[in-house]
Amino acid sequence: MRIMLKTISGEGYREITKAEPVVLEDLVREFKSVLPYTVLLARVNGKYEELTFNVQKDSYIEFLDIRNHSADLAYQNSLSLMYLKAVRDVMGDVPVKIENSLNKGLYTEIEVKPPITEEQVKDIEKRMRQLAEEDIPIIREVYDRKQAIELWEKYNYLEKARLLRESTDIRKAKFYSIQGYRNFFYGLMVPSTRYISIFQLIKYGRGVLLRFPQPSEPDKVPAFVDDKNIYRAFAESKKWHRLLGLSYVPDLNDSIKGGKAKDLILLSEALHEKKIAEIADMITKEKKRMILIAGPSSSGKTTFAKRLCVQLRVNGLDPLYMGTDDYYLERHDSPVDDDGQYNFENLDALDINLFNDNMNRLLSGETVDLPEFDFMTGTKVFGRRITSIGRHQPIIIEGIHGLNDKLTERIADREKFKIYISPFTQLNIDRHNRVTTTDGRMIRRIVRDYEFRNSSAAETIAQWPKVRAGEDKNIFPYSIKADVTFNSALAYELSVLRKYAVPILKEVRREQHEYAEAVRLLKFIEFFDAVEDERAIPNNSIIREFIGGSIFVE
């Protein structure tokens, strides 16, 4: 049997031969000495496979560690299963919800009265460490839909049973177990508990944070940095979903089947508008004049910024809207990556001195010759935007570095109001399977890039690791500096995006490197029933930035 093996992402394949079928985990052990980090999954002939997979034919195989998004999710899934097992061992059969990402981990709630204590959290963490040290196999079991539904009804996990009953595309369901504790996860898992030995539990608010390594630092739990704004954003989103009558994806699907999609869309959009109006009121009350907006890719920054301008006008203000792209350095002065490519996402790619000088002069009432950057020639052009603003007129700046103090280092803090925007998806598949913010953003971007940038799903998926690396460096570390966080997720959006995303993702061919990720995203988005009639979506909606028909985005 001929195997073309890639042990480290980015290197080439090496050829090896095996006389007999080989289990991936055994193959990983054979090459352990050359692996920088723990391998969690493998890509085999264009599909993600667990390390228990038995290779029986000629294959192309790539080992994947936590730096790969799907391997990262496998770590989180496996750690969540071990956490649920430990909670059961320590506290008995109590309800647990895995809610959302927070503070480089997962925010969970153990629903007991009185609320869980610090001592109980320590006991759960101790039990998890015992399980990891014992290297207990994580057993995969596959059942047909009828058997799976009966199992969940027996365990009283009714929302899981509902999901399987209503998701007719799911013909078989995977269950995973540790020492007899069984649960359903729609993602993949590692072979045993020893693979998930790096973690930390912290009592946080009303719940527990389950923290783990990040792709940027695969072998340790990152330092704890408390982002209270994001915690509040998720809490607010949960409140919004209660108003909408939604807890899990089956609730959304039932609303669509019941002909309530229009009401759901209108109420979701009204909640967005109310929040934007509240932010505009804060800015007006505090008399802030420099409004800085930042967020990761596909957050809807442009639409949000322009809707904020409208609300500020309602308050009697006349904001000047600007981006930072016009302040790029001349092309020959731009920084380059290690591969020699220009890095336009680096803060050092901007003419910070000119930006600060222009903004301070505008705030002082002077008339300023603002540059326009010509991307064809790589130079700034002057004389086209001679601008001045009134004494109370605010400036809205949208750009990825908006929350980085260095961008506005010479502008007085009393003038600044910082806004962080991201789609914090709170509507989960069930109480233990969450919808990740990253996957929501990737689906948005795949649809937008295909519709407006003539990019295939494969091209967008290929670019995504570099996009995420830039966000980890330039955006996420500064989110805690925001005065307010805006959650740009809409409860109904994945049901709208489904009909666009599915045919685009299906265009990715099996021989393409991005095929495995496309298949994973297809399986994920097919949990959502499609909204076919979009007429109720207003033309100023954030989702219009991705599907078309926006009054703000040409």
Protein backbone atom coordinates (compact mmCIF):
# COMPACT_ATOMS: atom_id res chain seq x y z
CA MET A 1 0.00 0.00 0.00
CA ARG A 2 1.43 3.37 -1.09
CA ILE A 3 0.97 6.34 1.25
CA MET A 4 1.90 9.93 0.46
CA LEU A 5 2.32 11.49 3.91
CA LYS A 6 2.56 15.11 5.01
CA THR A 7 3.55 15.31 8.68
CA ILE A 8 3.78 19.10 8.98
CA SER A 9 1.46 21.58 7.27
CA GLY A 10 3.31 23.52 4.59
CA GLU A 11 5.89 20.84 3.79
CA GLY A 12 5.69 18.43 0.89
CA TYR A 13 4.50 14.82 0.87
CA ARG A 14 6.89 11.95 1.51
CA GLU A 15 6.22 8.48 0.12
CA ILE A 16 6.04 5.45 2.41
CA THR A 17 4.81 1.92 1.82
CA LYS A 18 2.83 -0.41 4.10
CA ALA A 19 2.27 -4.10 3.49
CA GLU A 20 -0.87 -4.14 5.64
CA PRO A 21 -3.66 -1.67 6.50
CA VAL A 22 -2.60 0.83 9.17
CA VAL A 23 -4.55 2.78 11.78
CA LEU A 24 -3.80 6.51 11.65
CA GLU A 25 -2.88 6.64 15.34
CA ASP A 26 -0.18 4.00 14.77
CA LEU A 27 1.14 5.99 11.83
CA VAL A 28 1.32 9.11 14.01
CA ARG A 29 3.35 7.19 16.64
CA GLU A 30 5.80 6.12 13.95
CA PHE A 31 6.57 9.76 13.08
CA LYS A 32 6.19 11.25 16.57
CA SER A 33 9.81 12.44 16.72
CA VAL A 34 9.34 14.87 13.81
CA LEU A 35 5.96 16.29 14.88
CA PRO A 36 6.01 19.73 16.55
CA TYR A 37 2.64 19.35 18.31
CA THR A 38 0.11 16.66 19.18
CA VAL A 39 -1.69 15.38 16.08
CA LEU A 40 -5.47 15.38 16.59
CA LEU A 41 -6.94 14.55 13.15
CA ALA A 42 -5.80 13.70 9.66
CA ARG A 43 -6.90 14.65 6.18
CA VAL A 44 -7.12 11.41 4.18
CA ASN A 45 -7.84 11.63 0.46
CA GLY A 46 -9.63 14.94 0.91
CA LYS A 47 -11.69 14.01 4.01
CA TYR A 48 -11.15 14.70 7.69
CA GLU A 49 -10.74 11.43 9.57
CA GLU A 50 -10.32 10.60 13.25
CA LEU A 51 -7.08 8.92 14.26
CA THR A 52 -8.95 5.63 14.78
CA PHE A 53 -9.48 5.45 11.00
CA ASN A 54 -8.02 2.37 9.32
CA VAL A 55 -6.16 3.18 6.07
CA GLN A 56 -6.66 0.28 3.70
CA LYS A 57 -5.72 1.66 0.28
CA ASP A 58 -3.28 4.00 -1.44
CA SER A 59 -3.79 7.38 0.20
CA TYR A 60 -2.71 10.97 0.56
CA ILE A 61 -2.54 11.72 4.30
CA GLU A 62 -1.86 14.98 6.13
CA PHE A 63 -1.49 15.11 9.92
CA LEU A 64 -3.37 17.98 11.60
CA ASP A 65 -2.70 19.56 14.98
CA ILE A 66 -4.58 22.29 16.83
CA ARG A 67 -3.36 24.93 14.36
CA ASN A 68 -5.88 23.52 11.88
CA HIS A 69 -9.44 24.79 12.52
CA SER A 70 -11.12 21.38 12.33
CA ALA A 71 -8.48 19.81 14.58
CA ASP A 72 -9.01 22.68 17.02
CA LEU A 73 -12.75 21.89 17.02
CA ALA A 74 -11.96 18.20 17.62
CA TYR A 75 -9.97 19.21 20.70
CA GLN A 76 -12.86 21.35 21.94
CA ASN A 77 -15.43 18.61 21.28
CA SER A 78 -13.35 16.00 23.08
CA LEU A 79 -12.62 18.29 26.00
CA SER A 80 -16.32 19.14 26.28
CA LEU A 81 -17.19 15.45 26.42
CA MET A 82 -14.62 14.85 29.16
CA TYR A 83 -15.92 17.89 31.05
CA LEU A 84 -19.52 16.61 30.88
CA LYS A 85 -18.32 13.20 32.09
CA ALA A 86 -16.44 14.80 35.02
CA VAL A 87 -19.47 16.92 35.99
CA ARG A 88 -21.58 13.75 36.02
CA ASP A 89 -18.98 11.95 38.18
CA VAL A 90 -18.68 14.80 40.69
CA MET A 91 -22.20 16.22 40.83
CA GLY A 92 -24.49 13.52 39.47
CA ASP A 93 -27.03 13.88 36.68
CA VAL A 94 -27.32 17.68 36.58
CA PRO A 95 -28.14 19.79 33.50
CA VAL A 96 -25.11 21.36 31.78
CA LYS A 97 -25.10 23.82 28.89
CA ILE A 98 -22.08 24.61 26.70
CA GLU A 99 -22.98 28.11 25.67
CA ASN A 100 -20.37 30.05 23.69
CA SER A 101 -16.72 30.95 23.24
CA LEU A 102 -15.35 33.41 25.81
CA ASN A 103 -11.96 34.44 27.19
CA LYS A 104 -10.03 31.87 25.11
CA GLY A 105 -12.35 29.08 26.19
CA LEU A 106 -15.95 27.94 26.41
CA TYR A 107 -18.50 29.44 28.77
CA THR A 108 -20.67 26.74 30.32
CA GLU A 109 -23.47 26.72 32.86
CA ILE A 110 -24.16 23.94 35.38
CA GLU A 111 -27.78 24.41 36.33
CA VAL A 112 -27.87 23.72 40.07
CA LYS A 113 -29.24 25.58 43.09
CA PRO A 114 -27.50 27.05 44.95
CA PRO A 115 -25.06 28.04 42.14
CA ILE A 116 -21.90 26.04 41.68
CA THR A 117 -19.05 26.91 44.06
CA GLU A 118 -15.32 27.41 43.55
CA GLU A 119 -14.71 24.17 45.47
CA GLN A 120 -16.99 22.19 43.14
CA VAL A 121 -15.21 23.64 40.10
CA LYS A 122 -11.88 22.48 41.56
CA ASP A 123 -13.31 19.00 42.12
CA ILE A 124 -14.50 18.82 38.50
CA GLU A 125 -11.09 19.95 37.23
CA LYS A 126 -9.39 17.35 39.44
CA ARG A 127 -11.62 14.62 38.02
CA MET A 128 -10.87 15.78 34.46
CA ARG A 129 -7.14 15.52 35.14
CA GLN A 130 -7.63 12.00 36.46
CA LEU A 131 -9.52 11.05 33.30
CA ALA A 132 -6.76 12.55 31.11
CA GLU A 133 -4.01 10.70 32.99
CA GLU A 134 -5.89 7.38 32.72
CA ASP A 135 -5.83 7.62 28.90
CA ILE A 136 -9.39 6.34 28.55
CA PRO A 137 -10.56 5.53 25.01
CA ILE A 138 -13.23 7.78 23.53
CA ILE A 139 -15.56 5.28 21.93
CA ARG A 140 -17.45 6.16 18.76
CA GLU A 141 -20.82 4.54 18.14
CA VAL A 142 -23.01 5.07 15.07
CA TYR A 143 -26.79 4.61 15.20
CA ASP A 144 -29.50 5.11 12.66
CA ARG A 145 -31.89 8.01 13.19
CA LYS A 146 -34.64 5.96 14.83
CA GLN A 147 -32.26 4.38 17.35
CA ALA A 148 -30.63 7.74 18.11
CA ILE A 149 -33.98 9.45 18.71
CA GLU A 150 -35.01 6.66 21.08
CA LEU A 151 -31.73 7.00 22.99
CA TRP A 152 -32.17 10.74 23.52
CA GLU A 153 -35.75 10.43 24.57
CA LYS A 154 -34.63 7.81 27.09
CA TYR A 155 -31.95 10.22 28.43
CA ASN A 156 -34.48 13.13 28.44
CA TYR A 157 -32.39 15.18 25.98
CA LEU A 158 -35.50 16.22 24.11
CA GLU A 159 -33.93 19.00 22.01
CA LYS A 160 -31.37 16.48 20.68
CA ALA A 161 -34.15 14.04 19.81
CA ARG A 162 -36.04 16.86 18.11
CA LEU A 163 -33.00 17.85 16.08
CA LEU A 164 -32.52 14.33 14.76
CA ARG A 165 -36.24 13.84 14.13
CA GLU A 166 -36.51 17.05 12.11
CA SER A 167 -33.16 16.88 10.30
CA THR A 168 -34.10 14.38 7.62
CA ASP A 169 -30.70 14.82 5.94
CA ILE A 170 -29.13 13.09 8.95
CA ARG A 171 -29.52 9.34 8.38
CA LYS A 172 -27.04 8.23 11.00
CA ALA A 173 -25.90 9.87 14.25
CA LYS A 174 -22.52 9.58 15.92
CA PHE A 175 -22.37 9.10 19.67
CA TYR A 176 -19.20 9.24 21.72
CA SER A 177 -18.65 7.78 25.17
CA ILE A 178 -16.10 7.85 27.99
CA GLN A 179 -16.48 5.02 30.51
CA GLY A 180 -20.14 4.60 29.67
CA TYR A 181 -21.05 8.30 29.61
CA ARG A 182 -22.53 8.81 26.14
CA ASN A 183 -23.30 12.00 24.20
CA PHE A 184 -23.93 13.20 20.65
CA PHE A 185 -21.48 15.58 18.97
CA TYR A 186 -21.76 16.54 15.32
CA GLY A 187 -17.98 17.08 15.02
CA LEU A 188 -15.01 14.75 15.26
CA MET A 189 -13.09 13.52 18.32
CA VAL A 190 -9.62 12.43 19.40
CA PRO A 191 -9.00 8.74 20.22
CA SER A 192 -8.56 9.01 24.00
CA THR A 193 -8.48 11.36 26.97
CA ARG A 194 -4.68 11.73 27.02
CA TYR A 195 -4.90 13.90 23.89
CA ILE A 196 -6.78 16.60 25.84
CA SER A 197 -4.59 17.02 28.91
CA ILE A 198 -4.04 20.79 28.58
CA PHE A 199 -6.96 22.79 30.00
CA GLN A 200 -8.09 25.03 32.85
CA LEU A 201 -11.40 25.49 34.67
CA ILE A 202 -12.38 28.86 36.16
CA LYS A 203 -15.59 29.80 37.94
CA TYR A 204 -16.88 32.80 35.99
CA GLY A 205 -20.09 34.74 36.56
CA ARG A 206 -22.92 32.26 36.91
CA GLY A 207 -21.00 29.53 35.13
CA VAL A 208 -17.68 27.85 34.45
CA LEU A 209 -15.04 28.67 31.85
CA LEU A 210 -13.45 25.67 30.18
CA ARG A 211 -10.18 27.02 28.79
CA PHE A 212 -7.74 25.31 26.42
CA PRO A 213 -4.76 26.00 24.09
CA GLN A 214 -5.19 28.25 21.07
CA PRO A 215 -3.84 27.70 17.54
CA SER A 216 -1.28 30.47 18.12
CA GLU A 217 0.10 28.65 21.21
CA PRO A 218 -0.75 24.96 20.84
CA ASP A 219 1.01 23.62 23.93
CA LYS A 220 -0.32 25.81 26.75
CA VAL A 221 -3.42 27.54 28.08
CA PRO A 222 -3.12 31.28 27.35
CA ALA A 223 -3.03 33.87 30.12
CA PHE A 224 -6.49 34.84 31.32
CA VAL A 225 -7.72 38.22 30.07
CA ASP A 226 -11.28 39.03 31.10
CA ASP A 227 -13.42 40.47 28.29
CA LYS A 228 -16.54 41.58 30.13
CA ASN A 229 -17.93 43.34 27.06
CA ILE A 230 -18.14 40.09 25.11
CA TYR A 231 -19.70 38.32 28.12
CA ARG A 232 -22.37 41.02 28.22
CA ALA A 233 -22.87 40.76 24.45
CA PHE A 234 -23.55 37.04 24.68
CA ALA A 235 -25.87 37.57 27.67
CA GLU A 236 -27.78 40.20 25.70
CA SER A 237 -27.99 37.86 22.72
CA LYS A 238 -29.45 35.14 24.94
CA LYS A 239 -32.08 37.63 26.13
CA TRP A 240 -32.89 38.52 22.50
CA HIS A 241 -33.35 34.87 21.62
CA ARG A 242 -35.78 34.43 24.51
CA LEU A 243 -37.80 37.32 23.06
CA LEU A 244 -37.73 35.53 19.71
CA GLY A 245 -38.78 32.23 21.29
CA LEU A 246 -35.54 30.53 20.27
CA SER A 247 -33.22 28.37 22.33
CA TYR A 248 -31.77 25.95 19.80
CA VAL A 249 -31.67 25.38 16.04
CA PRO A 250 -34.81 23.17 16.09
CA ASP A 251 -36.74 26.19 17.45
CA LEU A 252 -35.56 28.25 14.47
CA ASN A 253 -36.48 25.49 12.05
CA ASP A 254 -39.94 25.18 13.61
CA SER A 255 -40.49 28.93 13.19
CA ILE A 256 -39.58 28.70 9.51
CA LYS A 257 -41.77 25.65 8.94
CA GLY A 258 -44.61 27.41 10.78
CA GLY A 259 -44.52 30.40 8.43
CA LYS A 260 -43.06 32.75 11.04
CA ALA A 261 -39.87 33.64 9.18
CA LYS A 262 -41.10 37.15 8.37
CA ASP A 263 -41.89 37.96 12.01
CA LEU A 264 -38.54 36.49 13.08
CA ILE A 265 -36.66 38.63 10.56
CA LEU A 266 -38.47 41.84 11.47
CA LEU A 267 -38.03 41.36 15.21
CA SER A 268 -34.35 40.44 14.83
CA GLU A 269 -33.74 43.55 12.73
CA ALA A 270 -35.66 45.72 15.22
CA LEU A 271 -33.40 44.48 18.04
CA HIS A 272 -30.34 45.43 15.97
CA GLU A 273 -31.75 48.89 15.25
CA LYS A 274 -32.58 49.44 18.91
CA LYS A 275 -29.02 48.56 19.94
CA ILE A 276 -27.49 50.84 17.31
CA ALA A 277 -29.75 53.67 18.51
CA GLU A 278 -28.62 53.05 22.11
CA ILE A 279 -24.97 53.30 21.03
CA ALA A 280 -25.71 56.54 19.16
CA ASP A 281 -27.35 57.93 22.31
CA MET A 282 -24.26 57.04 24.37
CA ILE A 283 -21.99 58.83 21.90
CA THR A 284 -24.25 61.89 21.87
CA LYS A 285 -24.56 62.04 25.65
CA GLU A 286 -20.82 61.68 26.20
CA LYS A 287 -20.08 64.21 23.40
CA LYS A 288 -17.52 61.92 21.76
CA ARG A 289 -16.15 63.10 18.43
CA MET A 290 -13.92 60.26 17.23
CA ILE A 291 -15.82 57.00 16.88
CA LEU A 292 -13.50 54.05 16.20
CA ILE A 293 -15.03 50.81 14.89
CA ALA A 294 -13.11 47.54 14.58
CA GLY A 295 -13.92 43.86 14.28
CA PRO A 296 -12.86 40.68 12.49
CA SER A 297 -13.59 39.76 8.90
CA SER A 298 -17.25 39.49 7.87
CA SER A 299 -18.56 41.23 10.97
CA GLY A 300 -20.65 43.71 8.96
CA LYS A 301 -18.53 46.71 9.93
CA THR A 302 -19.48 48.82 6.90
CA THR A 303 -23.23 48.41 7.31
CA PHE A 304 -23.03 48.95 11.05
CA ALA A 305 -20.96 52.11 10.66
CA LYS A 306 -23.39 53.60 8.13
CA ARG A 307 -26.43 52.70 10.22
CA LEU A 308 -24.72 54.36 13.18
CA CYS A 309 -24.27 57.48 11.05
CA VAL A 310 -28.03 57.51 10.41
CA GLN A 311 -28.83 57.21 14.12
CA LEU A 312 -26.38 60.00 14.97
CA ARG A 313 -28.15 62.20 12.42
CA VAL A 314 -31.41 61.42 14.19
CA ASN A 315 -29.72 62.85 17.29
CA GLY A 316 -28.91 66.06 15.46
CA LEU A 317 -25.29 65.24 14.60
CA ASP A 318 -23.73 65.07 11.14
CA PRO A 319 -20.90 62.51 11.26
CA LEU A 320 -18.04 62.34 8.80
CA TYR A 321 -17.54 58.70 7.74
CA MET A 322 -14.01 57.54 6.91
CA GLY A 323 -11.91 54.41 6.54
CA THR A 324 -8.21 54.03 7.23
CA ASP A 325 -7.34 52.51 3.82
CA ASP A 326 -6.56 55.96 2.41
CA TYR A 327 -3.70 56.24 4.87
CA TYR A 328 -1.58 53.39 3.54
CA LEU A 329 2.10 54.17 3.17
CA GLU A 330 3.45 54.54 -0.34
CA ARG A 331 3.78 51.06 -1.81
CA HIS A 332 7.58 51.11 -1.79
CA ASP A 333 7.53 51.86 1.97
CA SER A 334 5.01 49.13 2.86
CA PRO A 335 6.10 46.27 5.16
CA VAL A 336 6.44 42.78 3.71
CA ASP A 337 5.91 39.28 5.17
CA ASP A 338 8.56 36.60 5.41
CA ASP A 339 7.42 35.36 2.01
CA GLY A 340 8.07 38.79 0.46
CA GLN A 341 4.38 39.69 0.05
CA TYR A 342 3.08 43.10 1.11
CA ASN A 343 1.30 42.92 4.47
CA PHE A 344 -1.46 45.51 4.30
CA GLU A 345 -3.06 44.26 7.52
CA ASN A 346 -0.06 45.30 9.59
CA LEU A 347 -0.52 48.55 11.50
CA ASP A 348 2.91 49.61 10.22
CA ALA A 349 1.41 49.67 6.71
CA LEU A 350 -0.44 52.87 7.68
CA ASP A 351 0.93 56.42 7.75
CA ILE A 352 0.09 56.90 11.42
CA ASN A 353 1.71 60.32 11.69
CA LEU A 354 -0.32 61.72 8.80
CA PHE A 355 -3.51 60.15 10.14
CA ASN A 356 -3.06 61.65 13.62
CA ASP A 357 -2.13 65.04 12.18
CA ASN A 358 -5.19 65.09 9.88
CA MET A 359 -7.62 63.97 12.62
CA ASN A 360 -6.35 66.48 15.19
CA ARG A 361 -6.58 69.31 12.68
CA LEU A 362 -10.14 68.30 11.75
CA LEU A 363 -11.15 68.15 15.42
CA SER A 364 -9.64 71.61 15.88
CA GLY A 365 -11.85 73.05 13.12
CA GLU A 366 -9.19 73.37 10.43
CA THR A 367 -9.69 72.60 6.75
CA VAL A 368 -7.66 69.52 5.81
CA ASP A 369 -6.56 68.01 2.50
CA LEU A 370 -7.44 64.36 3.14
CA PRO A 371 -5.66 61.77 0.98
CA GLU A 372 -7.20 59.21 -1.33
CA PHE A 373 -5.11 56.09 -1.86
CA ASP A 374 -4.75 54.95 -5.47
CA PHE A 375 -4.38 51.17 -5.28
CA MET A 376 -3.34 50.95 -8.93
CA THR A 377 -0.27 53.17 -8.47
CA GLY A 378 0.29 52.47 -4.76
CA THR A 379 0.40 56.16 -3.86
CA LYS A 380 -1.70 58.70 -1.98
CA VAL A 381 -3.42 61.37 -4.07
CA PHE A 382 -4.18 64.81 -2.62
CA GLY A 383 -6.40 67.70 -3.65
CA ARG A 384 -9.62 65.70 -4.08
CA ARG A 385 -11.01 65.82 -0.53
CA ILE A 386 -10.62 69.25 1.01
CA THR A 387 -12.61 68.76 4.22
CA SER A 388 -13.59 70.49 7.43
CA ILE A 389 -16.09 69.64 10.16
CA GLY A 390 -18.19 71.58 12.63
CA ARG A 391 -17.44 72.00 16.32
CA HIS A 392 -19.73 69.15 17.42
CA GLN A 393 -19.45 67.01 14.31
CA PRO A 394 -18.12 63.47 15.05
CA ILE A 395 -15.79 61.45 12.82
CA ILE A 396 -16.56 57.75 12.33
CA ILE A 397 -13.48 55.67 11.53
CA GLU A 398 -13.88 52.07 10.38
CA GLY A 399 -10.75 49.91 10.21
CA ILE A 400 -9.21 46.77 11.65
CA HIS A 401 -6.82 48.77 13.87
CA GLY A 402 -9.46 51.08 15.34
CA LEU A 403 -9.06 49.76 18.91
CA ASN A 404 -5.26 49.78 18.85
CA ASP A 405 -4.12 52.83 20.83
CA LYS A 406 -1.12 53.26 18.53
CA LEU A 407 -3.40 54.23 15.62
CA THR A 408 -4.66 57.28 17.54
CA GLU A 409 -1.69 57.79 19.87
CA ARG A 410 -1.66 61.60 19.47
CA ILE A 411 -5.43 62.09 19.78
CA ALA A 412 -6.86 62.91 23.20
CA ASP A 413 -8.63 59.98 24.88
CA ARG A 414 -11.55 62.23 25.84
CA GLU A 415 -12.47 62.44 22.15
CA LYS A 416 -12.54 58.67 21.50
CA PHE A 417 -15.39 56.19 21.62
CA LYS A 418 -14.38 52.63 20.69
CA ILE A 419 -16.76 50.00 19.33
CA TYR A 420 -15.96 46.32 18.81
CA ILE A 421 -18.24 44.46 16.39
CA SER A 422 -18.48 40.71 15.79
CA PRO A 423 -21.27 38.17 15.13
CA PHE A 424 -21.53 36.37 18.47
CA THR A 425 -23.76 33.46 17.57
CA GLN A 426 -25.79 32.40 20.61
CA LEU A 427 -28.25 30.06 18.90
CA ASN A 428 -26.72 26.61 19.37
CA ILE A 429 -27.56 23.28 17.76
CA ASP A 430 -28.41 21.79 21.15
CA ARG A 431 -27.26 22.22 24.73
CA HIS A 432 -23.86 20.62 24.07
CA ASN A 433 -23.18 21.48 20.40
CA ARG A 434 -22.57 25.13 19.73
CA VAL A 435 -22.51 27.17 16.55
CA THR A 436 -19.06 28.76 16.49
CA THR A 437 -18.63 32.43 15.71
CA THR A 438 -15.78 31.51 13.36
CA ASP A 439 -17.96 29.18 11.28
CA GLY A 440 -20.70 31.82 11.07
CA ARG A 441 -18.21 34.38 9.80
CA MET A 442 -16.68 31.93 7.32
CA ILE A 443 -20.10 31.16 5.83
CA ARG A 444 -20.79 34.90 5.51
CA ARG A 445 -17.47 35.45 3.78
CA ILE A 446 -17.82 32.49 1.40
CA VAL A 447 -21.18 33.83 0.24
CA ARG A 448 -19.99 37.45 -0.07
CA ASP A 449 -16.75 36.59 -1.86
CA TYR A 450 -18.62 34.44 -4.37
CA GLU A 451 -21.37 37.00 -4.97
CA PHE A 452 -19.23 40.15 -5.16
CA ARG A 453 -15.56 39.23 -5.53
CA ASN A 454 -15.74 36.37 -8.03
CA SER A 455 -13.99 34.06 -5.54
CA SER A 456 -14.81 30.39 -5.21
CA ALA A 457 -15.46 28.70 -1.88
CA ALA A 458 -12.12 26.92 -2.24
CA GLU A 459 -10.29 30.25 -2.62
CA THR A 460 -12.00 31.74 0.44
CA ILE A 461 -11.34 28.63 2.54
CA ALA A 462 -7.69 28.66 1.45
CA GLN A 463 -7.31 32.30 2.54
CA TRP A 464 -9.04 31.80 5.89
CA PRO A 465 -6.01 30.62 7.98
CA LYS A 466 -4.12 33.77 6.98
CA VAL A 467 -7.19 35.91 7.76
CA ARG A 468 -7.47 34.29 11.20
CA ALA A 469 -3.76 34.77 11.90
CA GLY A 470 -4.10 38.48 11.10
CA GLU A 471 -7.12 38.76 13.39
CA ASP A 472 -5.27 37.04 16.23
CA LYS A 473 -2.51 39.62 15.89
CA ASN A 474 -4.32 42.83 14.96
CA ILE A 475 -7.91 42.63 16.23
CA PHE A 476 -8.74 40.16 19.01
CA PRO A 477 -6.10 41.39 21.51
CA TYR A 478 -7.65 44.88 21.45
CA SER A 479 -11.33 43.94 21.85
CA ILE A 480 -11.13 44.54 25.61
CA LYS A 481 -10.39 48.22 24.95
CA ALA A 482 -13.85 48.81 23.47
CA ASP A 483 -16.33 51.06 25.24
CA VAL A 484 -19.15 48.95 23.83
CA THR A 485 -19.49 45.70 21.90
CA PHE A 486 -22.05 45.23 19.15
CA ASN A 487 -23.21 41.71 18.32
CA SER A 488 -23.84 41.69 14.57
CA ALA A 489 -25.27 38.14 14.46
CA LEU A 490 -28.89 37.75 13.40
CA ALA A 491 -30.84 34.77 14.72
CA TYR A 492 -32.17 33.89 11.27
CA GLU A 493 -29.07 34.50 9.16
CA LEU A 494 -27.74 30.97 8.68
CA SER A 495 -31.17 29.90 7.43
CA VAL A 496 -30.89 32.64 4.79
CA LEU A 497 -27.24 31.94 3.99
CA ARG A 498 -27.89 28.21 3.57
CA LYS A 499 -29.42 28.43 0.09
CA TYR A 500 -26.44 30.53 -1.10
CA ALA A 501 -23.71 28.56 0.67
CA VAL A 502 -24.74 25.00 -0.18
CA PRO A 503 -24.31 25.19 -4.00
CA ILE A 504 -21.11 27.22 -3.62
CA LEU A 505 -19.59 24.68 -1.21
CA LYS A 506 -20.65 21.80 -3.43
CA GLU A 507 -18.52 23.26 -6.23
CA VAL A 508 -15.35 22.36 -4.29
CA ARG A 509 -13.94 19.23 -5.92
CA ARG A 510 -12.69 16.22 -4.01
CA GLU A 511 -9.15 16.60 -5.36
CA GLN A 512 -8.90 20.16 -4.00
CA HIS A 513 -7.14 20.68 -0.69
CA GLU A 514 -10.14 22.65 0.63
CA TYR A 515 -12.62 19.80 0.01
CA ALA A 516 -12.56 18.47 3.60
CA GLU A 517 -13.40 21.87 5.05
CA ALA A 518 -16.15 22.39 2.49
CA VAL A 519 -17.71 19.05 3.46
CA ARG A 520 -17.54 19.96 7.16
CA LEU A 521 -19.27 23.29 6.54
CA LEU A 522 -21.92 21.61 4.38
CA LYS A 523 -22.75 19.14 7.16
CA PHE A 524 -22.96 22.03 9.62
CA ILE A 525 -25.19 24.38 7.64
CA GLU A 526 -27.59 21.60 6.66
CA PHE A 527 -28.85 21.59 10.25
CA PHE A 528 -30.66 24.81 9.30
CA ASP A 529 -33.89 24.92 7.31
CA ALA A 530 -33.64 27.43 4.47
CA VAL A 531 -35.51 30.73 4.31
CA GLU A 532 -36.40 31.00 0.63
CA ASP A 533 -38.34 34.29 0.68
CA GLU A 534 -35.99 37.20 1.48
CA ARG A 535 -38.41 40.04 0.86
CA ALA A 536 -38.81 40.75 4.58
CA ILE A 537 -35.07 41.44 4.98
CA PRO A 538 -34.66 45.24 4.91
CA ASN A 539 -32.14 46.80 2.55
CA ASN A 540 -30.15 48.21 5.48
CA SER A 541 -29.72 44.80 7.14
CA ILE A 542 -26.21 43.62 7.95
CA ILE A 543 -26.96 40.34 6.17
CA ARG A 544 -27.57 42.31 2.95
CA GLU A 545 -23.83 43.12 2.98
CA PHE A 546 -23.27 39.43 2.18
CA ILE A 547 -26.23 38.33 0.04
CA GLY A 548 -26.80 41.55 -1.90
CA GLY A 549 -29.48 44.22 -2.00
CA SER A 550 -27.82 46.52 0.54
CA ILE A 551 -28.53 50.22 0.37
CA PHE A 552 -25.09 50.84 1.92
CA VAL A 553 -22.78 48.52 -0.01
CA GLU A 554 -22.37 48.78 -3.76
